């Protein structure tokens, strides 16, 4: 089945390289590999999140520095880093809440 653009309000995968939305698996793998050796543009990511109306941000880590910056840039959003949870169930429960 070919990939389709997600409907409004659906989760988005934003590339750390430039803040662009990733729609194709191959593009996502390529950009993820490049993020290891290139500087990410977190400001562009946050701008994309703001434009999409993000109400929740989860930093996968390591650490929580990007979540801290997201809290400043998106004050109305609920923001956490994975490291702030004690269990994976805690993460999934938080994500499932409206």
C-alpha atoms as a PDB file:
ATOM      1  CA  UNK A   1       0.000   0.000   0.000  1.00  0.00           C
ATOM      2  CA  UNK A   2       1.502   3.376  -0.924  1.00  0.00           C
ATOM      3  CA  UNK A   3       2.050   5.848   1.924  1.00  0.00           C
ATOM      4  CA  UNK A   4      -0.538   8.593   2.307  1.00  0.00           C
ATOM      5  CA  UNK A   5      -0.411  11.961   3.957  1.00  0.00           C
ATOM      6  CA  UNK A   6      -1.791  11.761   7.478  1.00  0.00           C
ATOM      7  CA  UNK A   7      -5.144  13.403   8.175  1.00  0.00           C
ATOM      8  CA  UNK A   8      -5.275  16.683  10.109  1.00  0.00           C
ATOM      9  CA  UNK A   9      -4.345  16.267  13.800  1.00  0.00           C
ATOM     10  CA  UNK A  10      -2.604  12.918  13.139  1.00  0.00           C
ATOM     11  CA  UNK A  11       0.930  12.419  14.489  1.00  0.00           C
ATOM     12  CA  UNK A  12       3.705  13.675  12.243  1.00  0.00           C
ATOM     13  CA  UNK A  13       7.322  12.615  11.867  1.00  0.00           C
ATOM     14  CA  UNK A  14       9.448  15.755  11.607  1.00  0.00           C
ATOM     15  CA  UNK A  15      13.022  15.542  10.319  1.00  0.00           C
ATOM     16  CA  UNK A  16      15.605  16.939  12.689  1.00  0.00           C
ATOM     17  CA  UNK A  17      17.714  18.069   9.753  1.00  0.00           C
ATOM     18  CA  UNK A  18      15.377  20.755   8.492  1.00  0.00           C
ATOM     19  CA  UNK A  19      11.969  20.498  10.159  1.00  0.00           C
ATOM     20  CA  UNK A  20      10.351  18.951   7.079  1.00  0.00           C
ATOM     21  CA  UNK A  21       7.635  16.335   7.419  1.00  0.00           C
ATOM     22  CA  UNK A  22       8.678  12.805   6.486  1.00  0.00           C
ATOM     23  CA  UNK A  23       6.074  10.872   4.502  1.00  0.00           C
ATOM     24  CA  UNK A  24       8.128   8.065   2.922  1.00  0.00           C
ATOM     25  CA  UNK A  25      10.003   5.315   4.759  1.00  0.00           C
ATOM     26  CA  UNK A  26      13.078   5.650   2.532  1.00  0.00           C
ATOM     27  CA  UNK A  27      13.253   9.397   3.146  1.00  0.00           C
ATOM     28  CA  UNK A  28      12.913   8.868   6.877  1.00  0.00           C
ATOM     29  CA  UNK A  29      15.740   6.324   7.000  1.00  0.00           C
ATOM     30  CA  UNK A  30      18.011   8.554   4.932  1.00  0.00           C
ATOM     31  CA  UNK A  31      17.327  11.639   7.042  1.00  0.00           C
ATOM     32  CA  UNK A  32      17.740   9.697  10.281  1.00  0.00           C
ATOM     33  CA  UNK A  33      21.145   8.437   9.123  1.00  0.00           C
ATOM     34  CA  UNK A  34      22.199  11.975   8.166  1.00  0.00           C
ATOM     35  CA  UNK A  35      21.169  13.311  11.591  1.00  0.00           C
ATOM     36  CA  UNK A  36      23.990  11.293  13.124  1.00  0.00           C
ATOM     37  CA  UNK A  37      26.637  13.249  11.203  1.00  0.00           C
ATOM     38  CA  UNK A  38      24.943  16.615  10.650  1.00  0.00           C
ATOM     39  CA  UNK A  39      23.724  19.371  12.918  1.00  0.00           C
ATOM     40  CA  UNK A  40      19.981  19.253  13.489  1.00  0.00           C
ATOM     41  CA  UNK A  41      17.840  22.361  13.088  1.00  0.00           C
ATOM     42  CA  UNK A  42      15.745  22.127  16.255  1.00  0.00           C
ATOM     43  CA  UNK A  43      14.328  25.621  15.720  1.00  0.00           C
ATOM     44  CA  UNK A  44      12.900  24.459  12.362  1.00  0.00           C
ATOM     45  CA  UNK A  45      11.464  21.360  14.045  1.00  0.00           C
ATOM     46  CA  UNK A  46       9.754  23.463  16.694  1.00  0.00           C
ATOM     47  CA  UNK A  47       8.407  25.837  14.058  1.00  0.00           C
ATOM     48  CA  UNK A  48       6.940  22.876  12.157  1.00  0.00           C
ATOM     49  CA  UNK A  49       5.392  21.589  15.380  1.00  0.00           C
ATOM     50  CA  UNK A  50       3.867  25.011  16.021  1.00  0.00           C
ATOM     51  CA  UNK A  51       2.519  25.217  12.449  1.00  0.00           C
ATOM     52  CA  UNK A  52       0.929  21.764  12.761  1.00  0.00           C
ATOM     53  CA  UNK A  53      -0.670  22.760  16.051  1.00  0.00           C
ATOM     54  CA  UNK A  54       1.223  20.231  18.157  1.00  0.00           C
ATOM     55  CA  UNK A  55      -0.281  19.866  21.605  1.00  0.00           C
ATOM     56  CA  UNK A  56       2.148  17.191  22.796  1.00  0.00           C
ATOM     57  CA  UNK A  57       5.888  16.571  22.311  1.00  0.00           C
ATOM     58  CA  UNK A  58       7.833  13.490  23.391  1.00  0.00           C
ATOM     59  CA  UNK A  59      11.625  13.599  23.256  1.00  0.00           C
ATOM     60  CA  UNK A  60      13.024  10.121  22.748  1.00  0.00           C
ATOM     61  CA  UNK A  61      16.419  11.050  24.124  1.00  0.00           C
ATOM     62  CA  UNK A  62      19.028  10.760  25.190  1.00  0.00           C
ATOM     63  CA  UNK A  63      18.454  13.381  27.830  1.00  0.00           C
ATOM     64  CA  UNK A  64      15.858  16.116  28.021  1.00  0.00           C
ATOM     65  CA  UNK A  65      17.519  19.221  26.545  1.00  0.00           C
ATOM     66  CA  UNK A  66      15.285  19.306  23.459  1.00  0.00           C
ATOM     67  CA  UNK A  67      12.163  18.877  25.592  1.00  0.00           C
ATOM     68  CA  UNK A  68      13.290  21.814  27.708  1.00  0.00           C
ATOM     69  CA  UNK A  69      13.582  23.985  24.586  1.00  0.00           C
ATOM     70  CA  UNK A  70      10.213  22.731  23.321  1.00  0.00           C
ATOM     71  CA  UNK A  71       8.538  23.827  26.559  1.00  0.00           C
ATOM     72  CA  UNK A  72       9.722  27.383  25.897  1.00  0.00           C
ATOM     73  CA  UNK A  73       8.792  27.390  22.197  1.00  0.00           C
ATOM     74  CA  UNK A  74       5.415  25.656  22.661  1.00  0.00           C
ATOM     75  CA  UNK A  75       4.130  26.839  26.037  1.00  0.00           C
ATOM     76  CA  UNK A  76       0.608  25.480  25.502  1.00  0.00           C
ATOM     77  CA  UNK A  77       1.856  21.980  24.596  1.00  0.00           C
ATOM     78  CA  UNK A  78       2.399  19.114  27.005  1.00  0.00           C
ATOM     79  CA  UNK A  79       6.077  18.209  26.715  1.00  0.00           C
ATOM     80  CA  UNK A  80       8.068  15.358  28.244  1.00  0.00           C
ATOM     81  CA  UNK A  81      11.270  13.433  27.634  1.00  0.00           C
ATOM     82  CA  UNK A  82      11.129   9.651  27.822  1.00  0.00           C
ATOM     83  CA  UNK A  83      13.657   9.764  30.658  1.00  0.00           C
ATOM     84  CA  UNK A  84      11.076  11.549  32.831  1.00  0.00           C
ATOM     85  CA  UNK A  85       8.958   8.369  32.994  1.00  0.00           C
ATOM     86  CA  UNK A  86       9.769   5.373  35.173  1.00  0.00           C
ATOM     87  CA  UNK A  87       8.189   2.796  32.846  1.00  0.00           C
ATOM     88  CA  UNK A  88       7.185   2.329  29.234  1.00  0.00           C
ATOM     89  CA  UNK A  89       3.599   1.972  30.486  1.00  0.00           C
ATOM     90  CA  UNK A  90       3.906   5.504  31.884  1.00  0.00           C
ATOM     91  CA  UNK A  91       4.872   6.809  28.448  1.00  0.00           C
ATOM     92  CA  UNK A  92       2.042   4.994  26.684  1.00  0.00           C
ATOM     93  CA  UNK A  93      -0.496   6.103  29.303  1.00  0.00           C
ATOM     94  CA  UNK A  94       0.605   9.729  28.874  1.00  0.00           C
ATOM     95  CA  UNK A  95       0.402   9.481  25.078  1.00  0.00           C
ATOM     96  CA  UNK A  96      -3.086   7.933  25.256  1.00  0.00           C
ATOM     97  CA  UNK A  97      -4.560  10.742  27.369  1.00  0.00           C
ATOM     98  CA  UNK A  98      -6.642  13.279  25.426  1.00  0.00           C
END
